[in-house]
Amino acid sequence: MNHERNKTDHTTSSSQSSSAGLPGPHHALTGTDWTALEHAYGPATDAPTQLAALWDDNQSVRKEALDYLYGTLHHQNTLYSATVATALYVAATLADPRTTWSIAKDHHSFPGPMRAELLAWIASVAQEVTNEAESTSHQLGFPLDDYPPAVGIRAIRPLLFATAFDHTADPDRHVREAAITACIPLLDDPRLLHHRNSLVPLVRDTLGTSELWQHRERAIDALDAWDEDSSGLEGQRNPFEFCDTETPPDNSSPWQADPSPMDRFTEKPPF
């Protein structure tokens, strides 16, 4: 029987998350006052329906829901009040067996099931509150401490790290690589610095040996930033090999090459 047609028992998705402190997925979705939160296009009243569509039987519907995560709840790398609640929901769902389902891909996509895609979204959100992002925001006159959504994401970084780290030993290599990628920006949190030593071997041996040059580059950058040895790791040989003349869509995922922090502000930040 097609596992995508075999509905997961509702108690699986509504049970308490294994990561201490995270709400259960069902509670995170139904216990949140989404009408009081905002995304790129106003009140986030459509968020519960769109987020529930991540578990639709149809791959195309799941892809549209994933695009909503990027294009509406994290539009152009921006954090909104709804992004914080969504991050808790996404983190709480990662242990759900349905996250192993496949997702419709396009030529911008990285390989891997829904779980890898959700971890990539967490990585993208976490990237916006790193030390580098803080420095950039100060240069632009918009300190992150004055922007509540950034403060909110910073507050939950230990929860996001705990659930991402849980998947660094996932049976699927694509998920393992996505989990390590998500952990890296979260480790800028002073409360998590002591975890860097345990992550270094994973960054070097898993991310640093990935078939994907983007992951290898991320491994080199992280190890160098942490004053760890990155020798022997091979980054991208030809910087123009993967250039694409097609303009990436607004809801493109971070599987594409990350822009520089200054380039992220393609329009005036909302804070």
C-alpha atoms as a PDB file:
ATOM      1  CA  MET A   1       0.000   0.000   0.000  1.00  0.00           C
ATOM      2  CA  ASN A   2       1.248   3.473  -0.813  1.00  0.00           C
ATOM      3  CA  HIS A   3       2.460   4.900   2.508  1.00  0.00           C
ATOM      4  CA  GLU A   4       1.271   8.356   1.472  1.00  0.00           C
ATOM      5  CA  ARG A   5      -2.287   7.025   1.290  1.00  0.00           C
ATOM      6  CA  ASN A   6      -2.014   5.319   4.639  1.00  0.00           C
ATOM      7  CA  LYS A   7      -2.938   8.086   7.040  1.00  0.00           C
ATOM      8  CA  THR A   8      -0.790   8.391  10.151  1.00  0.00           C
ATOM      9  CA  ASP A   9      -2.773   8.033  13.360  1.00  0.00           C
ATOM     10  CA  HIS A  10      -3.786  11.493  14.544  1.00  0.00           C
ATOM     11  CA  THR A  11      -2.294  10.855  17.959  1.00  0.00           C
ATOM     12  CA  THR A  12       1.154  10.741  16.355  1.00  0.00           C
ATOM     13  CA  SER A  13       0.953  14.304  15.123  1.00  0.00           C
ATOM     14  CA  SER A  14      -0.714  15.610  18.293  1.00  0.00           C
ATOM     15  CA  SER A  15       1.529  13.931  20.837  1.00  0.00           C
ATOM     16  CA  GLN A  16       4.102  15.798  22.882  1.00  0.00           C
ATOM     17  CA  SER A  17       7.327  16.418  21.018  1.00  0.00           C
ATOM     18  CA  SER A  18      10.326  14.377  22.171  1.00  0.00           C
ATOM     19  CA  SER A  19      12.409  17.563  22.525  1.00  0.00           C
ATOM     20  CA  ALA A  20      11.797  18.928  26.008  1.00  0.00           C
ATOM     21  CA  GLY A  21      10.009  22.256  25.991  1.00  0.00           C
ATOM     22  CA  LEU A  22       8.483  21.984  22.539  1.00  0.00           C
ATOM     23  CA  PRO A  23       4.686  21.905  22.340  1.00  0.00           C
ATOM     24  CA  GLY A  24       3.036  18.993  20.612  1.00  0.00           C
ATOM     25  CA  PRO A  25       2.398  19.712  16.910  1.00  0.00           C
ATOM     26  CA  HIS A  26      -1.372  19.720  17.288  1.00  0.00           C
ATOM     27  CA  HIS A  27      -1.207  22.132  20.224  1.00  0.00           C
ATOM     28  CA  ALA A  28       1.288  24.353  18.398  1.00  0.00           C
ATOM     29  CA  LEU A  29      -1.129  24.622  15.488  1.00  0.00           C
ATOM     30  CA  THR A  30      -4.499  24.877  17.221  1.00  0.00           C
ATOM     31  CA  GLY A  31      -3.359  26.559  20.436  1.00  0.00           C
ATOM     32  CA  THR A  32      -1.826  29.543  18.637  1.00  0.00           C
ATOM     33  CA  ASP A  33      -3.858  32.703  18.046  1.00  0.00           C
ATOM     34  CA  TRP A  34      -2.801  33.126  14.427  1.00  0.00           C
ATOM     35  CA  THR A  35      -5.158  36.086  13.975  1.00  0.00           C
ATOM     36  CA  ALA A  36      -2.889  38.067  16.316  1.00  0.00           C
ATOM     37  CA  LEU A  37       0.203  37.248  14.255  1.00  0.00           C
ATOM     38  CA  GLU A  38       1.359  38.587  10.907  1.00  0.00           C
ATOM     39  CA  HIS A  39       3.255  37.326   7.889  1.00  0.00           C
ATOM     40  CA  ALA A  40       4.341  39.039   4.684  1.00  0.00           C
ATOM     41  CA  TYR A  41       0.784  39.763   3.555  1.00  0.00           C
ATOM     42  CA  GLY A  42      -0.980  40.671   6.781  1.00  0.00           C
ATOM     43  CA  PRO A  43      -2.745  38.656   9.511  1.00  0.00           C
ATOM     44  CA  ALA A  44      -1.696  35.011   9.502  1.00  0.00           C
ATOM     45  CA  THR A  45      -5.259  33.699   9.540  1.00  0.00           C
ATOM     46  CA  ASP A  46      -4.491  31.316   6.670  1.00  0.00           C
ATOM     47  CA  ALA A  47      -1.489  29.737   8.420  1.00  0.00           C
ATOM     48  CA  PRO A  48      -3.275  26.771  10.085  1.00  0.00           C
ATOM     49  CA  THR A  49      -4.791  25.605   6.796  1.00  0.00           C
ATOM     50  CA  GLN A  50      -1.578  26.094   4.851  1.00  0.00           C
ATOM     51  CA  LEU A  51       0.587  24.388   7.462  1.00  0.00           C
ATOM     52  CA  ALA A  52      -1.802  21.441   7.693  1.00  0.00           C
ATOM     53  CA  ALA A  53      -1.397  21.048   3.925  1.00  0.00           C
ATOM     54  CA  LEU A  54       2.209  19.955   4.519  1.00  0.00           C
ATOM     55  CA  TRP A  55       0.698  16.544   5.282  1.00  0.00           C
ATOM     56  CA  ASP A  56      -1.622  16.285   2.286  1.00  0.00           C
ATOM     57  CA  ASP A  57      -1.561  13.032   0.302  1.00  0.00           C
ATOM     58  CA  ASN A  58      -0.753  14.949  -2.878  1.00  0.00           C
ATOM     59  CA  GLN A  59       2.916  15.835  -3.435  1.00  0.00           C
ATOM     60  CA  SER A  60       2.017  18.983  -5.340  1.00  0.00           C
ATOM     61  CA  VAL A  61      -0.136  20.227  -2.466  1.00  0.00           C
ATOM     62  CA  ARG A  62       2.705  19.565  -0.047  1.00  0.00           C
ATOM     63  CA  LYS A  63       5.036  21.522  -2.332  1.00  0.00           C
ATOM     64  CA  GLU A  64       2.631  24.489  -2.338  1.00  0.00           C
ATOM     65  CA  ALA A  65       2.519  24.387   1.464  1.00  0.00           C
ATOM     66  CA  LEU A  66       6.315  24.352   1.584  1.00  0.00           C
ATOM     67  CA  ASP A  67       6.400  27.314  -0.804  1.00  0.00           C
ATOM     68  CA  TYR A  68       4.049  29.099   1.606  1.00  0.00           C
ATOM     69  CA  LEU A  69       6.597  28.614   4.383  1.00  0.00           C
ATOM     70  CA  TYR A  70       9.187  30.481   2.345  1.00  0.00           C
ATOM     71  CA  GLY A  71       7.113  32.872   0.287  1.00  0.00           C
ATOM     72  CA  THR A  72       4.700  34.060   2.994  1.00  0.00           C
ATOM     73  CA  LEU A  73       5.974  33.172   6.464  1.00  0.00           C
ATOM     74  CA  HIS A  74       9.638  33.881   5.655  1.00  0.00           C
ATOM     75  CA  HIS A  75       9.319  36.074   2.572  1.00  0.00           C
ATOM     76  CA  GLN A  76      12.707  37.237   1.226  1.00  0.00           C
ATOM     77  CA  ASN A  77      14.410  35.972   4.390  1.00  0.00           C
ATOM     78  CA  THR A  78      12.300  38.277   6.587  1.00  0.00           C
ATOM     79  CA  LEU A  79      11.145  37.283  10.058  1.00  0.00           C
ATOM     80  CA  TYR A  80       7.550  38.005  11.086  1.00  0.00           C
ATOM     81  CA  SER A  81       5.629  37.378  14.283  1.00  0.00           C
ATOM     82  CA  ALA A  82       4.054  34.336  12.597  1.00  0.00           C
ATOM     83  CA  THR A  83       7.524  33.012  11.726  1.00  0.00           C
ATOM     84  CA  VAL A  84       8.247  32.410  15.405  1.00  0.00           C
ATOM     85  CA  ALA A  85       5.099  30.342  15.987  1.00  0.00           C
ATOM     86  CA  THR A  86       5.691  28.495  12.731  1.00  0.00           C
ATOM     87  CA  ALA A  87       9.258  27.622  13.731  1.00  0.00           C
ATOM     88  CA  LEU A  88       7.941  25.967  16.893  1.00  0.00           C
ATOM     89  CA  TYR A  89       5.370  24.044  14.863  1.00  0.00           C
ATOM     90  CA  VAL A  90       7.884  22.929  12.232  1.00  0.00           C
ATOM     91  CA  ALA A  91      10.359  21.807  14.888  1.00  0.00           C
ATOM     92  CA  ALA A  92       7.635  19.880  16.708  1.00  0.00           C
ATOM     93  CA  THR A  93       6.652  18.000  13.538  1.00  0.00           C
ATOM     94  CA  LEU A  94      10.126  16.740  12.604  1.00  0.00           C
ATOM     95  CA  ALA A  95       9.702  13.443  14.452  1.00  0.00           C
ATOM     96  CA  ASP A  96       6.409  12.732  12.650  1.00  0.00           C
ATOM     97  CA  PRO A  97       6.838   9.747  10.265  1.00  0.00           C
ATOM     98  CA  ARG A  98       5.077  11.728   7.548  1.00  0.00           C
ATOM     99  CA  THR A  99       8.113  13.988   7.263  1.00  0.00           C
ATOM    100  CA  THR A 100       9.812  11.091   5.470  1.00  0.00           C
ATOM    101  CA  TRP A 101       7.357  11.502   2.596  1.00  0.00           C
ATOM    102  CA  SER A 102       8.705  12.773  -0.678  1.00  0.00           C
ATOM    103  CA  ILE A 103       8.125  16.288  -1.974  1.00  0.00           C
ATOM    104  CA  ALA A 104       7.736  17.552  -5.515  1.00  0.00           C
ATOM    105  CA  LYS A 105      11.041  19.030  -6.701  1.00  0.00           C
ATOM    106  CA  ASP A 106      12.151  21.542  -9.289  1.00  0.00           C
ATOM    107  CA  HIS A 107      15.599  22.319 -10.665  1.00  0.00           C
ATOM    108  CA  HIS A 108      16.337  24.627  -7.726  1.00  0.00           C
ATOM    109  CA  SER A 109      15.620  21.911  -5.156  1.00  0.00           C
ATOM    110  CA  PHE A 110      18.047  19.870  -3.138  1.00  0.00           C
ATOM    111  CA  PRO A 111      17.346  16.145  -2.723  1.00  0.00           C
ATOM    112  CA  GLY A 112      15.628  14.693   0.295  1.00  0.00           C
ATOM    113  CA  PRO A 113      12.176  14.160   1.833  1.00  0.00           C
ATOM    114  CA  MET A 114       9.959  16.700   3.577  1.00  0.00           C
ATOM    115  CA  ARG A 115      12.026  16.372   6.762  1.00  0.00           C
ATOM    116  CA  ALA A 116      15.111  17.702   4.969  1.00  0.00           C
ATOM    117  CA  GLU A 117      13.102  20.591   3.542  1.00  0.00           C
ATOM    118  CA  LEU A 118      11.721  21.559   6.948  1.00  0.00           C
ATOM    119  CA  LEU A 119      15.190  21.473   8.474  1.00  0.00           C
ATOM    120  CA  ALA A 120      16.377  23.706   5.646  1.00  0.00           C
ATOM    121  CA  TRP A 121      13.624  26.178   6.508  1.00  0.00           C
ATOM    122  CA  ILE A 122      14.747  26.204  10.155  1.00  0.00           C
ATOM    123  CA  ALA A 123      18.299  26.837   8.955  1.00  0.00           C
ATOM    124  CA  SER A 124      17.120  29.785   6.863  1.00  0.00           C
ATOM    125  CA  VAL A 125      15.210  31.302   9.783  1.00  0.00           C
ATOM    126  CA  ALA A 126      18.132  30.781  12.170  1.00  0.00           C
ATOM    127  CA  GLN A 127      20.502  32.449   9.718  1.00  0.00           C
ATOM    128  CA  GLU A 128      18.655  35.735  10.220  1.00  0.00           C
ATOM    129  CA  VAL A 129      19.634  36.008  13.904  1.00  0.00           C
ATOM    130  CA  THR A 130      23.288  34.947  13.767  1.00  0.00           C
ATOM    131  CA  ASN A 131      26.143  37.124  14.968  1.00  0.00           C
ATOM    132  CA  GLU A 132      26.783  38.087  11.346  1.00  0.00           C
ATOM    133  CA  ALA A 133      23.147  39.078  10.859  1.00  0.00           C
ATOM    134  CA  GLU A 134      23.309  41.120  14.066  1.00  0.00           C
ATOM    135  CA  SER A 135      26.376  42.969  12.803  1.00  0.00           C
ATOM    136  CA  THR A 136      24.702  43.678   9.481  1.00  0.00           C
ATOM    137  CA  SER A 137      21.505  44.929  11.110  1.00  0.00           C
ATOM    138  CA  HIS A 138      23.520  47.324  13.258  1.00  0.00           C
ATOM    139  CA  GLN A 139      25.259  48.674  10.158  1.00  0.00           C
ATOM    140  CA  LEU A 140      21.844  49.323   8.642  1.00  0.00           C
ATOM    141  CA  GLY A 141      20.564  50.980  11.805  1.00  0.00           C
ATOM    142  CA  PHE A 142      18.080  48.240  12.675  1.00  0.00           C
ATOM    143  CA  PRO A 143      19.434  46.256  15.666  1.00  0.00           C
ATOM    144  CA  LEU A 144      17.848  42.851  16.076  1.00  0.00           C
ATOM    145  CA  ASP A 145      17.146  43.550  19.746  1.00  0.00           C
ATOM    146  CA  ASP A 146      14.599  46.156  18.627  1.00  0.00           C
ATOM    147  CA  TYR A 147      12.723  43.731  16.361  1.00  0.00           C
ATOM    148  CA  PRO A 148      10.351  41.387  18.274  1.00  0.00           C
ATOM    149  CA  PRO A 149      10.318  38.533  15.701  1.00  0.00           C
ATOM    150  CA  ALA A 150      14.126  38.368  15.817  1.00  0.00           C
ATOM    151  CA  VAL A 151      14.011  38.406  19.610  1.00  0.00           C
ATOM    152  CA  GLY A 152      11.418  35.625  19.448  1.00  0.00           C
ATOM    153  CA  ILE A 153      13.544  33.398  17.220  1.00  0.00           C
ATOM    154  CA  ARG A 154      16.574  33.986  19.408  1.00  0.00           C
ATOM    155  CA  ALA A 155      14.576  32.937  22.471  1.00  0.00           C
ATOM    156  CA  ILE A 156      13.690  29.538  20.985  1.00  0.00           C
ATOM    157  CA  ARG A 157      17.090  28.692  19.486  1.00  0.00           C
ATOM    158  CA  PRO A 158      17.816  26.021  22.136  1.00  0.00           C
ATOM    159  CA  LEU A 159      14.535  24.276  21.269  1.00  0.00           C
ATOM    160  CA  LEU A 160      15.249  24.445  17.543  1.00  0.00           C
ATOM    161  CA  PHE A 161      18.767  23.137  18.082  1.00  0.00           C
ATOM    162  CA  ALA A 162      17.613  20.217  20.209  1.00  0.00           C
ATOM    163  CA  THR A 163      15.197  18.951  17.590  1.00  0.00           C
ATOM    164  CA  ALA A 164      17.582  19.584  14.685  1.00  0.00           C
ATOM    165  CA  PHE A 165      20.403  17.776  16.477  1.00  0.00           C
ATOM    166  CA  ASP A 166      18.098  14.800  17.016  1.00  0.00           C
ATOM    167  CA  HIS A 167      18.206  14.256  13.254  1.00  0.00           C
ATOM    168  CA  THR A 168      21.957  14.476  12.711  1.00  0.00           C
ATOM    169  CA  ALA A 169      21.930  10.663  12.924  1.00  0.00           C
ATOM    170  CA  ASP A 170      18.910  10.214  10.638  1.00  0.00           C
ATOM    171  CA  PRO A 171      19.060   7.140   8.352  1.00  0.00           C
ATOM    172  CA  ASP A 172      18.648   9.426   5.321  1.00  0.00           C
ATOM    173  CA  ARG A 173      21.898  11.194   4.486  1.00  0.00           C
ATOM    174  CA  HIS A 174      20.073  14.165   2.957  1.00  0.00           C
ATOM    175  CA  VAL A 175      18.247  14.656   6.259  1.00  0.00           C
ATOM    176  CA  ARG A 176      21.481  14.316   8.235  1.00  0.00           C
ATOM    177  CA  GLU A 177      23.109  17.003   6.104  1.00  0.00           C
ATOM    178  CA  ALA A 178      20.085  19.304   6.443  1.00  0.00           C
ATOM    179  CA  ALA A 179      20.055  18.788  10.221  1.00  0.00           C
ATOM    180  CA  ILE A 180      23.741  19.678  10.573  1.00  0.00           C
ATOM    181  CA  THR A 181      23.187  22.711   8.344  1.00  0.00           C
ATOM    182  CA  ALA A 182      20.350  23.824  10.625  1.00  0.00           C
ATOM    183  CA  CYS A 183      22.475  23.382  13.753  1.00  0.00           C
ATOM    184  CA  ILE A 184      25.339  25.590  12.521  1.00  0.00           C
ATOM    185  CA  PRO A 185      23.639  29.035  12.680  1.00  0.00           C
ATOM    186  CA  LEU A 186      21.831  28.110  15.893  1.00  0.00           C
ATOM    187  CA  LEU A 187      25.180  27.628  17.628  1.00  0.00           C
ATOM    188  CA  ASP A 188      25.779  31.369  17.659  1.00  0.00           C
ATOM    189  CA  ASP A 189      23.496  31.366  20.702  1.00  0.00           C
ATOM    190  CA  PRO A 190      25.683  31.802  23.816  1.00  0.00           C
ATOM    191  CA  ARG A 191      23.629  29.093  25.544  1.00  0.00           C
ATOM    192  CA  LEU A 192      24.621  26.593  22.850  1.00  0.00           C
ATOM    193  CA  LEU A 193      28.297  27.350  22.310  1.00  0.00           C
ATOM    194  CA  HIS A 194      29.342  24.314  24.347  1.00  0.00           C
ATOM    195  CA  HIS A 195      27.757  22.053  21.695  1.00  0.00           C
ATOM    196  CA  ARG A 196      30.204  23.126  19.001  1.00  0.00           C
ATOM    197  CA  ASN A 197      32.768  20.502  19.969  1.00  0.00           C
ATOM    198  CA  SER A 198      30.251  17.710  19.461  1.00  0.00           C
ATOM    199  CA  LEU A 199      29.158  19.131  16.122  1.00  0.00           C
ATOM    200  CA  VAL A 200      32.642  19.613  14.639  1.00  0.00           C
ATOM    201  CA  PRO A 201      33.105  15.924  13.613  1.00  0.00           C
ATOM    202  CA  LEU A 202      29.660  15.908  11.989  1.00  0.00           C
ATOM    203  CA  VAL A 203      30.405  19.104  10.085  1.00  0.00           C
ATOM    204  CA  ARG A 204      33.738  17.763   8.866  1.00  0.00           C
ATOM    205  CA  ASP A 205      32.859  14.115   8.189  1.00  0.00           C
ATOM    206  CA  THR A 206      29.274  14.404   6.948  1.00  0.00           C
ATOM    207  CA  LEU A 207      28.711  17.920   5.648  1.00  0.00           C
ATOM    208  CA  GLY A 208      32.312  18.258   4.460  1.00  0.00           C
ATOM    209  CA  THR A 209      32.069  15.106   2.344  1.00  0.00           C
ATOM    210  CA  SER A 210      28.651  15.849   0.849  1.00  0.00           C
ATOM    211  CA  GLU A 211      28.044  15.398  -2.869  1.00  0.00           C
ATOM    212  CA  LEU A 212      26.640  18.928  -2.835  1.00  0.00           C
ATOM    213  CA  TRP A 213      29.159  21.749  -3.057  1.00  0.00           C
ATOM    214  CA  GLN A 214      26.857  24.038  -1.072  1.00  0.00           C
ATOM    215  CA  HIS A 215      27.126  21.735   1.937  1.00  0.00           C
ATOM    216  CA  ARG A 216      30.878  21.390   1.580  1.00  0.00           C
ATOM    217  CA  GLU A 217      31.219  25.181   1.426  1.00  0.00           C
ATOM    218  CA  ARG A 218      29.036  25.508   4.531  1.00  0.00           C
ATOM    219  CA  ALA A 219      31.254  23.017   6.349  1.00  0.00           C
ATOM    220  CA  ILE A 220      34.421  24.923   5.452  1.00  0.00           C
ATOM    221  CA  ASP A 221      32.900  28.259   6.466  1.00  0.00           C
ATOM    222  CA  ALA A 222      31.673  26.899   9.808  1.00  0.00           C
ATOM    223  CA  LEU A 223      34.949  25.208  10.713  1.00  0.00           C
ATOM    224  CA  ASP A 224      36.939  28.292   9.792  1.00  0.00           C
ATOM    225  CA  ALA A 225      34.614  30.518  11.833  1.00  0.00           C
ATOM    226  CA  TRP A 226      35.029  28.206  14.831  1.00  0.00           C
ATOM    227  CA  ASP A 227      38.855  28.132  14.449  1.00  0.00           C
ATOM    228  CA  GLU A 228      38.724  24.435  13.596  1.00  0.00           C
ATOM    229  CA  ASP A 229      40.752  22.612  10.962  1.00  0.00           C
ATOM    230  CA  SER A 230      39.045  22.608   7.540  1.00  0.00           C
ATOM    231  CA  SER A 231      42.057  21.343   5.611  1.00  0.00           C
ATOM    232  CA  GLY A 232      41.334  18.577   3.138  1.00  0.00           C
ATOM    233  CA  LEU A 233      37.759  19.682   2.491  1.00  0.00           C
ATOM    234  CA  GLU A 234      36.968  20.635  -1.072  1.00  0.00           C
ATOM    235  CA  GLY A 235      34.618  23.511  -1.789  1.00  0.00           C
ATOM    236  CA  GLN A 236      33.215  24.639  -5.107  1.00  0.00           C
ATOM    237  CA  ARG A 237      35.793  24.355  -7.875  1.00  0.00           C
ATOM    238  CA  ASN A 238      34.099  26.515 -10.480  1.00  0.00           C
ATOM    239  CA  PRO A 239      32.142  29.458  -9.023  1.00  0.00           C
ATOM    240  CA  PHE A 240      30.227  29.883 -12.305  1.00  0.00           C
ATOM    241  CA  GLU A 241      29.339  26.241 -12.869  1.00  0.00           C
ATOM    242  CA  PHE A 242      25.986  26.449 -11.120  1.00  0.00           C
ATOM    243  CA  CYS A 243      24.951  29.929 -12.197  1.00  0.00           C
ATOM    244  CA  ASP A 244      21.417  30.096 -13.516  1.00  0.00           C
ATOM    245  CA  THR A 245      20.143  32.914 -15.685  1.00  0.00           C
ATOM    246  CA  GLU A 246      16.609  32.329 -14.462  1.00  0.00           C
ATOM    247  CA  THR A 247      15.599  34.713 -11.673  1.00  0.00           C
ATOM    248  CA  PRO A 248      14.871  32.696  -8.519  1.00  0.00           C
ATOM    249  CA  PRO A 249      11.265  32.972  -7.273  1.00  0.00           C
ATOM    250  CA  ASP A 250      10.457  34.838  -4.069  1.00  0.00           C
ATOM    251  CA  ASN A 251       9.563  31.558  -2.394  1.00  0.00           C
ATOM    252  CA  SER A 252      12.848  29.888  -3.323  1.00  0.00           C
ATOM    253  CA  SER A 253      14.462  27.751  -0.674  1.00  0.00           C
ATOM    254  CA  PRO A 254      17.884  28.230   0.916  1.00  0.00           C
ATOM    255  CA  TRP A 255      19.135  25.196  -1.002  1.00  0.00           C
ATOM    256  CA  GLN A 256      20.252  27.787  -3.508  1.00  0.00           C
ATOM    257  CA  ALA A 257      23.489  29.618  -2.815  1.00  0.00           C
ATOM    258  CA  ASP A 258      22.972  31.954   0.120  1.00  0.00           C
ATOM    259  CA  PRO A 259      23.251  35.672  -0.581  1.00  0.00           C
ATOM    260  CA  SER A 260      25.580  37.770   1.487  1.00  0.00           C
ATOM    261  CA  PRO A 261      23.969  39.293   4.600  1.00  0.00           C
ATOM    262  CA  MET A 262      23.983  42.747   3.023  1.00  0.00           C
ATOM    263  CA  ASP A 263      22.295  41.427  -0.117  1.00  0.00           C
ATOM    264  CA  ARG A 264      19.437  39.939   1.903  1.00  0.00           C
ATOM    265  CA  PHE A 265      17.983  43.393   2.434  1.00  0.00           C
ATOM    266  CA  THR A 266      16.565  43.787  -1.053  1.00  0.00           C
ATOM    267  CA  GLU A 267      13.978  46.131   0.402  1.00  0.00           C
ATOM    268  CA  LYS A 268      13.883  48.207   3.559  1.00  0.00           C
ATOM    269  CA  PRO A 269      13.652  45.897   6.586  1.00  0.00           C
ATOM    270  CA  PRO A 270      10.271  46.045   8.339  1.00  0.00           C
ATOM    271  CA  PHE A 271      11.772  47.030  11.667  1.00  0.00           C
END
